[in-house]
C-alpha atoms as a PDB file:
ATOM      1  CA  MET A   1      23.403  15.258 -66.851  1.00  0.00           C
ATOM      2  CA  ASN A   2      21.375  12.815 -68.905  1.00  0.00           C
ATOM      3  CA  ALA A   3      20.142   9.491 -67.253  1.00  0.00           C
ATOM      4  CA  GLY A   4      22.487   7.403 -69.618  1.00  0.00           C
ATOM      5  CA  ASP A   5      25.555   9.479 -68.081  1.00  0.00           C
ATOM      6  CA  ALA A   6      25.643   7.005 -64.958  1.00  0.00           C
ATOM      7  CA  ALA A   7      24.233   3.708 -64.142  1.00  0.00           C
ATOM      8  CA  ALA A   8      20.592   4.195 -63.792  1.00  0.00           C
ATOM      9  CA  PHE A   9      18.625   3.541 -60.758  1.00  0.00           C
ATOM     10  CA  VAL A  10      15.439   2.673 -62.691  1.00  0.00           C
ATOM     11  CA  ASP A  11      16.225   0.981 -65.887  1.00  0.00           C
ATOM     12  CA  PHE A  12      13.410  -0.338 -68.519  1.00  0.00           C
ATOM     13  CA  ARG A  13      14.967  -2.029 -71.573  1.00  0.00           C
ATOM     14  CA  ASP A  14      12.353  -2.473 -74.406  1.00  0.00           C
ATOM     15  CA  VAL A  15       9.630  -3.590 -72.053  1.00  0.00           C
ATOM     16  CA  TRP A  16       6.337  -4.890 -73.336  1.00  0.00           C
ATOM     17  CA  LEU A  17       3.415  -6.130 -71.380  1.00  0.00           C
ATOM     18  CA  ALA A  18       0.149  -8.293 -72.410  1.00  0.00           C
ATOM     19  CA  TYR A  19      -2.119  -9.135 -69.445  1.00  0.00           C
ATOM     20  CA  ASN A  20      -2.229 -12.829 -70.393  1.00  0.00           C
ATOM     21  CA  GLU A  21      -1.121 -15.315 -72.995  1.00  0.00           C
ATOM     22  CA  GLU A  22      -4.171 -15.011 -75.025  1.00  0.00           C
ATOM     23  CA  LEU A  23      -3.589 -11.356 -75.492  1.00  0.00           C
ATOM     24  CA  LEU A  24       0.044 -11.891 -76.102  1.00  0.00           C
ATOM     25  CA  ALA A  25      -0.757 -14.256 -78.841  1.00  0.00           C
ATOM     26  CA  ALA A  26      -2.866 -11.628 -80.394  1.00  0.00           C
ATOM     27  CA  ASN A  27      -0.252  -8.745 -80.101  1.00  0.00           C
ATOM     28  CA  GLN A  28      -2.579  -6.866 -77.748  1.00  0.00           C
ATOM     29  CA  PHE A  29      -0.198  -4.933 -75.309  1.00  0.00           C
ATOM     30  CA  ALA A  30      -1.067  -2.842 -72.239  1.00  0.00           C
ATOM     31  CA  VAL A  31       2.155  -1.083 -72.720  1.00  0.00           C
ATOM     32  CA  GLU A  32       4.794  -1.431 -75.376  1.00  0.00           C
ATOM     33  CA  ALA A  33       8.380  -0.378 -76.079  1.00  0.00           C
ATOM     34  CA  ILE A  34       9.081   1.005 -72.874  1.00  0.00           C
ATOM     35  CA  ASN A  35      12.747   2.396 -72.465  1.00  0.00           C
ATOM     36  CA  LEU A  36      13.266   4.465 -69.523  1.00  0.00           C
ATOM     37  CA  GLN A  37      16.486   5.334 -67.510  1.00  0.00           C
ATOM     38  CA  VAL A  38      16.153   7.225 -64.213  1.00  0.00           C
ATOM     39  CA  LYS A  39      19.196   8.275 -62.489  1.00  0.00           C
ATOM     40  CA  GLN A  40      19.679   8.038 -58.500  1.00  0.00           C
ATOM     41  CA  GLY A  41      17.436  10.290 -56.607  1.00  0.00           C
ATOM     42  CA  GLU A  42      15.632  11.462 -59.622  1.00  0.00           C
ATOM     43  CA  PHE A  43      12.156  12.760 -59.361  1.00  0.00           C
ATOM     44  CA  ILE A  44       9.924  11.819 -62.304  1.00  0.00           C
ATOM     45  CA  ALA A  45       6.215  12.353 -63.355  1.00  0.00           C
ATOM     46  CA  ILE A  46       4.202  10.402 -65.824  1.00  0.00           C
ATOM     47  CA  VAL A  47       1.234  11.971 -67.287  1.00  0.00           C
ATOM     48  CA  GLY A  48      -1.283  10.963 -69.964  1.00  0.00           C
ATOM     49  CA  PRO A  49      -4.844  10.184 -71.030  1.00  0.00           C
ATOM     50  CA  SER A  50      -6.940   7.940 -68.748  1.00  0.00           C
ATOM     51  CA  GLY A  51      -6.328   4.283 -69.509  1.00  0.00           C
ATOM     52  CA  CYS A  52      -2.740   4.710 -71.172  1.00  0.00           C
ATOM     53  CA  GLY A  53      -1.102   2.253 -68.917  1.00  0.00           C
ATOM     54  CA  LYS A  54       0.102   4.364 -66.288  1.00  0.00           C
ATOM     55  CA  SER A  55      -0.858   2.289 -63.402  1.00  0.00           C
ATOM     56  CA  THR A  56       0.353  -0.775 -65.454  1.00  0.00           C
ATOM     57  CA  PHE A  57       3.869   0.808 -65.663  1.00  0.00           C
ATOM     58  CA  MET A  58       3.709   1.395 -61.825  1.00  0.00           C
ATOM     59  CA  LYS A  59       3.080  -2.682 -61.334  1.00  0.00           C
ATOM     60  CA  LEU A  60       5.829  -3.228 -63.537  1.00  0.00           C
ATOM     61  CA  THR A  61       8.200  -0.872 -61.529  1.00  0.00           C
ATOM     62  CA  THR A  62       7.231  -2.590 -58.267  1.00  0.00           C
ATOM     63  CA  GLY A  63       7.733  -5.951 -59.644  1.00  0.00           C
ATOM     64  CA  LEU A  64       3.766  -6.783 -59.158  1.00  0.00           C
ATOM     65  CA  LYS A  65       3.766  -7.450 -62.878  1.00  0.00           C
ATOM     66  CA  MET A  66       6.451  -9.347 -64.843  1.00  0.00           C
ATOM     67  CA  PRO A  67       6.942  -7.892 -68.557  1.00  0.00           C
ATOM     68  CA  SER A  68       5.899 -10.143 -71.403  1.00  0.00           C
ATOM     69  CA  MET A  69       9.231  -9.005 -73.154  1.00  0.00           C
ATOM     70  CA  GLY A  70      12.084  -7.077 -72.079  1.00  0.00           C
ATOM     71  CA  LYS A  71      14.000  -6.555 -68.959  1.00  0.00           C
ATOM     72  CA  ILE A  72      13.624  -4.071 -65.917  1.00  0.00           C
ATOM     73  CA  LEU A  73      16.509  -3.636 -63.394  1.00  0.00           C
ATOM     74  CA  ILE A  74      15.940  -1.613 -60.283  1.00  0.00           C
ATOM     75  CA  ASP A  75      19.110  -0.331 -58.251  1.00  0.00           C
ATOM     76  CA  GLY A  76      21.250  -2.512 -60.729  1.00  0.00           C
ATOM     77  CA  ALA A  77      19.442  -5.860 -59.980  1.00  0.00           C
ATOM     78  CA  ALA A  78      16.857  -7.486 -62.188  1.00  0.00           C
ATOM     79  CA  VAL A  79      13.050  -7.461 -61.171  1.00  0.00           C
ATOM     80  CA  THR A  80      11.881 -11.001 -60.588  1.00  0.00           C
ATOM     81  CA  GLY A  81       9.033 -10.198 -57.826  1.00  0.00           C
ATOM     82  CA  PRO A  82       7.849  -7.623 -55.542  1.00  0.00           C
ATOM     83  CA  LEU A  83      10.329  -5.164 -54.402  1.00  0.00           C
ATOM     84  CA  LYS A  84      11.259  -4.498 -50.765  1.00  0.00           C
ATOM     85  CA  ILE A  85      13.034  -1.352 -51.560  1.00  0.00           C
ATOM     86  CA  SER A  86       9.998   0.668 -52.663  1.00  0.00           C
ATOM     87  CA  GLY A  87       6.982   2.376 -51.096  1.00  0.00           C
ATOM     88  CA  MET A  88       3.685   3.133 -52.305  1.00  0.00           C
ATOM     89  CA  ALA A  89       0.880   5.490 -51.830  1.00  0.00           C
ATOM     90  CA  PHE A  90      -2.479   5.660 -53.883  1.00  0.00           C
ATOM     91  CA  GLN A  91      -5.250   8.002 -54.276  1.00  0.00           C
ATOM     92  CA  ALA A  92      -7.191   6.346 -51.433  1.00  0.00           C
ATOM     93  CA  PRO A  93      -5.108   6.693 -48.260  1.00  0.00           C
ATOM     94  CA  SER A  94      -6.533   3.003 -47.053  1.00  0.00           C
ATOM     95  CA  LEU A  95      -5.633   3.576 -43.422  1.00  0.00           C
ATOM     96  CA  LEU A  96      -6.881   0.546 -41.309  1.00  0.00           C
ATOM     97  CA  PRO A  97      -9.871   2.116 -39.508  1.00  0.00           C
ATOM     98  CA  TRP A  98      -9.182   0.064 -36.187  1.00  0.00           C
ATOM     99  CA  ARG A  99      -5.428   1.374 -35.792  1.00  0.00           C
ATOM    100  CA  THR A 100      -4.378   4.803 -34.707  1.00  0.00           C
ATOM    101  CA  THR A 101      -2.382   6.908 -37.080  1.00  0.00           C
ATOM    102  CA  VAL A 102       0.957   5.903 -35.718  1.00  0.00           C
ATOM    103  CA  ASP A 103       0.169   2.340 -35.725  1.00  0.00           C
ATOM    104  CA  ASN A 104      -1.226   2.565 -39.416  1.00  0.00           C
ATOM    105  CA  VAL A 105       2.259   4.048 -40.219  1.00  0.00           C
ATOM    106  CA  LEU A 106       4.033   1.243 -38.349  1.00  0.00           C
ATOM    107  CA  LEU A 107       2.391  -1.385 -40.485  1.00  0.00           C
ATOM    108  CA  PRO A 108       5.100  -2.014 -43.105  1.00  0.00           C
ATOM    109  CA  LEU A 109       7.622  -2.573 -40.330  1.00  0.00           C
ATOM    110  CA  GLU A 110       5.471  -5.266 -38.969  1.00  0.00           C
ATOM    111  CA  ILE A 111       5.425  -6.898 -42.508  1.00  0.00           C
ATOM    112  CA  VAL A 112       8.795  -6.350 -44.331  1.00  0.00           C
ATOM    113  CA  GLU A 113      11.978  -7.903 -43.371  1.00  0.00           C
ATOM    114  CA  PRO A 114      14.354  -7.096 -41.823  1.00  0.00           C
ATOM    115  CA  TYR A 115      12.124  -5.119 -39.738  1.00  0.00           C
ATOM    116  CA  ARG A 116       9.447  -7.796 -39.043  1.00  0.00           C
ATOM    117  CA  SER A 117      11.818 -10.134 -37.030  1.00  0.00           C
ATOM    118  CA  GLN A 118      13.022  -6.986 -35.072  1.00  0.00           C
ATOM    119  CA  PHE A 119       9.733  -5.281 -34.559  1.00  0.00           C
ATOM    120  CA  LYS A 120       9.034  -6.469 -30.921  1.00  0.00           C
ATOM    121  CA  ALA A 121      12.526  -5.940 -29.763  1.00  0.00           C
ATOM    122  CA  LYS A 122      12.727  -2.388 -31.588  1.00  0.00           C
ATOM    123  CA  ARG A 123       9.129  -1.479 -31.050  1.00  0.00           C
ATOM    124  CA  ALA A 124       9.990   1.827 -29.222  1.00  0.00           C
ATOM    125  CA  GLU A 125      12.694   2.805 -31.621  1.00  0.00           C
ATOM    126  CA  PHE A 126      10.396   2.407 -34.601  1.00  0.00           C
ATOM    127  CA  GLU A 127       7.471   4.198 -32.886  1.00  0.00           C
ATOM    128  CA  ALA A 128       9.712   7.000 -32.213  1.00  0.00           C
ATOM    129  CA  ARG A 129      10.707   7.130 -35.950  1.00  0.00           C
ATOM    130  CA  ALA A 130       7.017   7.247 -36.973  1.00  0.00           C
ATOM    131  CA  ARG A 131       6.101   9.915 -34.561  1.00  0.00           C
ATOM    132  CA  ALA A 132       9.127  12.124 -35.726  1.00  0.00           C
ATOM    133  CA  LEU A 133       8.009  11.549 -39.558  1.00  0.00           C
ATOM    134  CA  LEU A 134       4.326  12.324 -38.679  1.00  0.00           C
ATOM    135  CA  GLN A 135       5.513  15.581 -36.820  1.00  0.00           C
ATOM    136  CA  LYS A 136       7.492  16.476 -40.080  1.00  0.00           C
ATOM    137  CA  VAL A 137       4.549  16.111 -42.296  1.00  0.00           C
ATOM    138  CA  GLY A 138       2.402  18.454 -39.881  1.00  0.00           C
ATOM    139  CA  LEU A 139       0.376  15.649 -38.163  1.00  0.00           C
ATOM    140  CA  GLY A 140       1.972  16.288 -34.394  1.00  0.00           C
ATOM    141  CA  GLY A 141      -0.953  15.899 -31.886  1.00  0.00           C
ATOM    142  CA  TYR A 142      -2.815  13.451 -34.270  1.00  0.00           C
ATOM    143  CA  GLU A 143      -0.345  10.380 -33.826  1.00  0.00           C
ATOM    144  CA  ASP A 144      -2.876   8.462 -31.573  1.00  0.00           C
ATOM    145  CA  LYS A 145      -6.189   9.492 -33.271  1.00  0.00           C
ATOM    146  CA  PHE A 146      -8.143   7.100 -35.457  1.00  0.00           C
ATOM    147  CA  PRO A 147      -8.411   7.477 -39.261  1.00  0.00           C
ATOM    148  CA  TRP A 148     -12.040   8.553 -38.869  1.00  0.00           C
ATOM    149  CA  GLN A 149     -10.999  11.451 -36.771  1.00  0.00           C
ATOM    150  CA  LEU A 150      -8.528  12.909 -39.705  1.00  0.00           C
ATOM    151  CA  SER A 151      -9.420  14.918 -42.665  1.00  0.00           C
ATOM    152  CA  GLY A 152      -8.720  13.562 -46.098  1.00  0.00           C
ATOM    153  CA  GLY A 153      -5.573  15.534 -46.356  1.00  0.00           C
ATOM    154  CA  MET A 154      -4.295  14.279 -42.911  1.00  0.00           C
ATOM    155  CA  GLN A 155      -5.025  10.636 -43.955  1.00  0.00           C
ATOM    156  CA  GLN A 156      -2.946  11.151 -47.162  1.00  0.00           C
ATOM    157  CA  ARG A 157      -0.284  12.633 -45.002  1.00  0.00           C
ATOM    158  CA  ALA A 158      -0.365   9.489 -42.920  1.00  0.00           C
ATOM    159  CA  SER A 159      -0.366   7.259 -45.890  1.00  0.00           C
ATOM    160  CA  ILE A 160       2.942   8.846 -47.317  1.00  0.00           C
ATOM    161  CA  CYS A 161       4.486   8.541 -43.910  1.00  0.00           C
ATOM    162  CA  ARG A 162       3.620   4.754 -44.071  1.00  0.00           C
ATOM    163  CA  ALA A 163       4.966   4.562 -47.432  1.00  0.00           C
ATOM    164  CA  LEU A 164       8.252   6.078 -46.177  1.00  0.00           C
ATOM    165  CA  ILE A 165       8.785   4.617 -42.656  1.00  0.00           C
ATOM    166  CA  HIS A 166      11.000   1.597 -43.752  1.00  0.00           C
ATOM    167  CA  GLU A 167      13.336   4.156 -45.527  1.00  0.00           C
ATOM    168  CA  PRO A 168      12.763   2.933 -49.185  1.00  0.00           C
ATOM    169  CA  LYS A 169      15.081   3.857 -52.077  1.00  0.00           C
ATOM    170  CA  MET A 170      12.198   4.507 -54.295  1.00  0.00           C
ATOM    171  CA  LEU A 171       8.444   6.116 -53.416  1.00  0.00           C
ATOM    172  CA  LEU A 172       5.845   5.226 -56.123  1.00  0.00           C
ATOM    173  CA  LEU A 173       2.776   7.720 -55.925  1.00  0.00           C
ATOM    174  CA  ASP A 174      -0.335   6.749 -58.000  1.00  0.00           C
ATOM    175  CA  GLU A 175      -2.555   9.898 -58.134  1.00  0.00           C
ATOM    176  CA  PRO A 176      -1.848  10.512 -54.256  1.00  0.00           C
ATOM    177  CA  PHE A 177      -3.348  13.960 -54.158  1.00  0.00           C
ATOM    178  CA  GLY A 178      -6.277  13.452 -56.808  1.00  0.00           C
ATOM    179  CA  ALA A 179      -9.103  13.321 -54.223  1.00  0.00           C
ATOM    180  CA  LEU A 180      -8.239  16.348 -52.344  1.00  0.00           C
ATOM    181  CA  ASP A 181      -9.112  19.985 -52.617  1.00  0.00           C
ATOM    182  CA  ALA A 182      -6.728  22.458 -54.459  1.00  0.00           C
ATOM    183  CA  PHE A 183      -5.507  23.985 -51.353  1.00  0.00           C
ATOM    184  CA  THR A 184      -4.841  21.026 -49.510  1.00  0.00           C
ATOM    185  CA  ARG A 185      -3.142  19.351 -52.736  1.00  0.00           C
ATOM    186  CA  GLU A 186      -0.577  22.237 -52.979  1.00  0.00           C
ATOM    187  CA  GLU A 187       0.020  21.831 -49.228  1.00  0.00           C
ATOM    188  CA  LEU A 188       0.823  18.378 -49.644  1.00  0.00           C
ATOM    189  CA  TRP A 189       3.002  19.259 -52.880  1.00  0.00           C
ATOM    190  CA  CYS A 190       5.183  21.003 -50.511  1.00  0.00           C
ATOM    191  CA  ILE A 191       5.419  18.409 -47.804  1.00  0.00           C
ATOM    192  CA  LEU A 192       6.448  16.013 -50.533  1.00  0.00           C
ATOM    193  CA  ARG A 193       8.946  18.333 -52.018  1.00  0.00           C
ATOM    194  CA  ASP A 194      10.499  18.845 -48.502  1.00  0.00           C
ATOM    195  CA  LEU A 195      10.669  15.121 -47.805  1.00  0.00           C
ATOM    196  CA  TRP A 196      12.297  14.469 -51.103  1.00  0.00           C
ATOM    197  CA  THR A 197      14.894  17.311 -50.803  1.00  0.00           C
ATOM    198  CA  GLU A 198      15.980  15.970 -47.356  1.00  0.00           C
ATOM    199  CA  GLN A 199      16.046  12.445 -48.395  1.00  0.00           C
ATOM    200  CA  ARG A 200      16.591  12.140 -52.120  1.00  0.00           C
ATOM    201  CA  PHE A 201      14.919   8.883 -52.592  1.00  0.00           C
ATOM    202  CA  ASN A 202      13.734   8.333 -56.130  1.00  0.00           C
ATOM    203  CA  VAL A 203      10.054   9.279 -56.953  1.00  0.00           C
ATOM    204  CA  ILE A 204       7.903   8.063 -59.413  1.00  0.00           C
ATOM    205  CA  LEU A 205       4.559  10.203 -59.538  1.00  0.00           C
ATOM    206  CA  VAL A 206       1.689   9.230 -61.635  1.00  0.00           C
ATOM    207  CA  THR A 207      -0.752  12.223 -62.019  1.00  0.00           C
ATOM    208  CA  HIS A 208      -3.512  13.717 -64.258  1.00  0.00           C
ATOM    209  CA  ASP A 209      -2.473  17.185 -62.816  1.00  0.00           C
ATOM    210  CA  LEU A 210       0.042  18.673 -65.152  1.00  0.00           C
ATOM    211  CA  ARG A 211       0.658  21.628 -62.759  1.00  0.00           C
ATOM    212  CA  GLU A 212       1.381  19.036 -59.978  1.00  0.00           C
ATOM    213  CA  SER A 213       3.931  17.225 -62.406  1.00  0.00           C
ATOM    214  CA  VAL A 214       5.815  20.263 -63.283  1.00  0.00           C
ATOM    215  CA  PHE A 215       6.079  21.617 -59.787  1.00  0.00           C
ATOM    216  CA  LEU A 216       7.511  18.559 -58.236  1.00  0.00           C
ATOM    217  CA  ALA A 217       9.487  16.593 -60.929  1.00  0.00           C
ATOM    218  CA  ASP A 218      12.745  16.712 -62.601  1.00  0.00           C
ATOM    219  CA  THR A 219      11.561  15.256 -65.741  1.00  0.00           C
ATOM    220  CA  VAL A 220       7.795  14.593 -66.981  1.00  0.00           C
ATOM    221  CA  TYR A 221       7.163  11.782 -69.263  1.00  0.00           C
ATOM    222  CA  VAL A 222       3.815  11.850 -71.617  1.00  0.00           C
ATOM    223  CA  MET A 223       2.230   8.552 -72.300  1.00  0.00           C
ATOM    224  CA  SER A 224       0.268   7.617 -75.238  1.00  0.00           C
ATOM    225  CA  LYS A 225      -3.372   5.981 -74.996  1.00  0.00           C
ATOM    226  CA  SER A 226      -3.209   2.022 -74.781  1.00  0.00           C
ATOM    227  CA  PRO A 227      -0.970   0.586 -75.711  1.00  0.00           C
ATOM    228  CA  GLY A 228       0.936   2.967 -73.454  1.00  0.00           C
ATOM    229  CA  ARG A 229       4.053   4.362 -74.812  1.00  0.00           C
ATOM    230  CA  PHE A 230       6.304   7.179 -73.699  1.00  0.00           C
ATOM    231  CA  MET A 231       6.004   9.542 -76.442  1.00  0.00           C
ATOM    232  CA  VAL A 232       7.468  12.850 -74.931  1.00  0.00           C
ATOM    233  CA  ARG A 233      10.463  13.413 -72.505  1.00  0.00           C
ATOM    234  CA  ARG A 234      10.375  16.976 -70.875  1.00  0.00           C
ATOM    235  CA  GLU A 235      12.989  18.080 -68.410  1.00  0.00           C
ATOM    236  CA  ILE A 236      11.942  20.615 -65.990  1.00  0.00           C
ATOM    237  CA  ASP A 237      14.560  23.116 -65.815  1.00  0.00           C
ATOM    238  CA  LEU A 238      12.906  25.455 -63.205  1.00  0.00           C
ATOM    239  CA  PRO A 239      15.311  26.173 -60.364  1.00  0.00           C
ATOM    240  CA  ARG A 240      14.998  24.375 -57.008  1.00  0.00           C
ATOM    241  CA  PRO A 241      13.742  24.813 -54.413  1.00  0.00           C
ATOM    242  CA  ARG A 242      10.549  25.608 -55.968  1.00  0.00           C
ATOM    243  CA  ASP A 243       7.892  27.581 -54.003  1.00  0.00           C
ATOM    244  CA  LEU A 244       4.263  27.741 -54.971  1.00  0.00           C
ATOM    245  CA  GLU A 245       4.723  31.394 -56.375  1.00  0.00           C
ATOM    246  CA  ILE A 246       6.662  29.680 -59.324  1.00  0.00           C
ATOM    247  CA  THR A 247       3.266  28.191 -60.530  1.00  0.00           C
ATOM    248  CA  TYR A 248       2.139  31.721 -61.392  1.00  0.00           C
ATOM    249  CA  SER A 249       5.220  32.443 -63.404  1.00  0.00           C
ATOM    250  CA  ARG A 250       5.278  32.614 -67.330  1.00  0.00           C
ATOM    251  CA  GLU A 251       7.934  29.914 -67.402  1.00  0.00           C
ATOM    252  CA  PHE A 252       5.960  27.571 -65.441  1.00  0.00           C
ATOM    253  CA  THR A 253       2.661  27.973 -67.327  1.00  0.00           C
ATOM    254  CA  ASP A 254       4.341  27.571 -70.668  1.00  0.00           C
ATOM    255  CA  ILE A 255       5.494  24.187 -69.822  1.00  0.00           C
ATOM    256  CA  VAL A 256       2.136  23.264 -68.433  1.00  0.00           C
ATOM    257  CA  HIS A 257       0.622  24.512 -71.675  1.00  0.00           C
ATOM    258  CA  GLU A 258       3.179  22.656 -73.829  1.00  0.00           C
ATOM    259  CA  LEU A 259       2.632  19.337 -71.905  1.00  0.00           C
ATOM    260  CA  ARG A 260      -1.197  19.974 -72.330  1.00  0.00           C
ATOM    261  CA  GLY A 261      -0.486  20.433 -76.220  1.00  0.00           C
ATOM    262  CA  HIS A 262       1.112  16.950 -76.352  1.00  0.00           C
ATOM    263  CA  ILE A 263      -1.781  15.337 -74.594  1.00  0.00           C
ATOM    264  CA  GLY A 264      -4.156  16.923 -76.829  1.00  0.00           C
ATOM    265  CA  ALA A 265      -2.389  15.605 -79.971  1.00  0.00           C
ATOM    266  CA  ILE A 266      -2.154  12.252 -78.621  1.00  0.00           C
ATOM    267  CA  ARG A 267      -5.748  12.149 -78.119  1.00  0.00           C
ATOM    268  CA  GLN A 268      -6.696  13.808 -81.306  1.00  0.00           C
ATOM    269  CA  ASN A 269      -4.320  11.310 -83.277  1.00  0.00           C
ATOM    270  CA  ALA A 270      -5.846   8.222 -81.238  1.00  0.00           C
ATOM    271  CA  ALA A 271      -9.485   9.489 -82.352  1.00  0.00           C
ATOM    272  CA  GLN A 272      -8.523   9.782 -85.822  1.00  0.00           C
ATOM    273  CA  GLY A 273      -6.859   6.508 -85.803  1.00  0.00           C
ATOM    274  CA  THR A 274      -3.617   8.133 -87.398  1.00  0.00           C
ATOM    275  CA  GLY A 275      -1.425   6.201 -84.962  1.00  0.00           C
ATOM    276  CA  GLN A 276       0.459   7.999 -82.182  1.00  0.00           C
ATOM    277  CA  GLY A 277       3.925   8.553 -83.453  1.00  0.00           C
ATOM    278  CA  THR A 278       7.254   6.911 -82.346  1.00  0.00           C
ATOM    279  CA  PRO A 279       8.038   6.220 -78.871  1.00  0.00           C
ATOM    280  CA  VAL A 280      10.699   8.101 -77.275  1.00  0.00           C
ATOM    281  CA  ALA A 281      14.330   6.717 -77.215  1.00  0.00           C
ATOM    282  CA  PRO A 282      15.961   5.806 -74.030  1.00  0.00           C
ATOM    283  CA  THR A 283      17.402   9.219 -73.370  1.00  0.00           C
ATOM    284  CA  PRO A 284      16.347  11.645 -75.958  1.00  0.00           C
ATOM    285  CA  ALA A 285      16.744  15.293 -75.996  1.00  0.00           C
ATOM    286  CA  LEU A 286      13.177  16.141 -77.010  1.00  0.00           C
ATOM    287  CA  PRO A 287      11.815  19.507 -77.961  1.00  0.00           C
ATOM    288  CA  GLN A 288      11.211  21.768 -75.318  1.00  0.00           C
END
């Protein structure tokens, strides 16, 4: 099934962004010609060289930035400001040091409506939900610990729980595992895989780790260097559920090498000033 076969949950229509009016007047864009359709429940990953606009794309998707040109629709509605239906987690967990793990996870429910107005009355119910979620990611017994009592991997698990506590329709992850050691990173891949398999929210993962993108995603997009454009769309046709053993298979490593080749070619073209090719069409069947 192509993303265009049904109403897209995420729909970018020829989106361009310049960070201010002066740059817009000079035709200097951070991202340009972004056409992207993501179907309901799809897990996509975005990879590319540093500075290619991946984080800018995330800001556009969450409504933290408005496009200079083009249109963005999420869940059928035009994006006009920050979205309440999304959760986010970043490379730095950013847990509040004076709050326990469970209180950190509860934070969005204290801020985001309709939960905010119900928080005092439903505190026990919400806390039970938070504790169940923490149990699910392996933090049972650590709910009442403070962030300084947790390892980096534990803090990132808590951060993901915080992003999911209000049951968002979309989870945005910006290099969430980049600061962790390889073993912890792979453990968190499996936790994220299981949460997504169970709940089927949309996921947009920005990562530098090609193995991570291939293991987790349905579709991987490769961005060019700034101005960021989607140059390659690669459907990951590996069977699900995926266990870590698949990362040692020939099929898996072939896809990783293919993506690495695309990024290498983009870097080389940019260094030579030969241009970066043509952005992908909304739903292309690109070479695999």
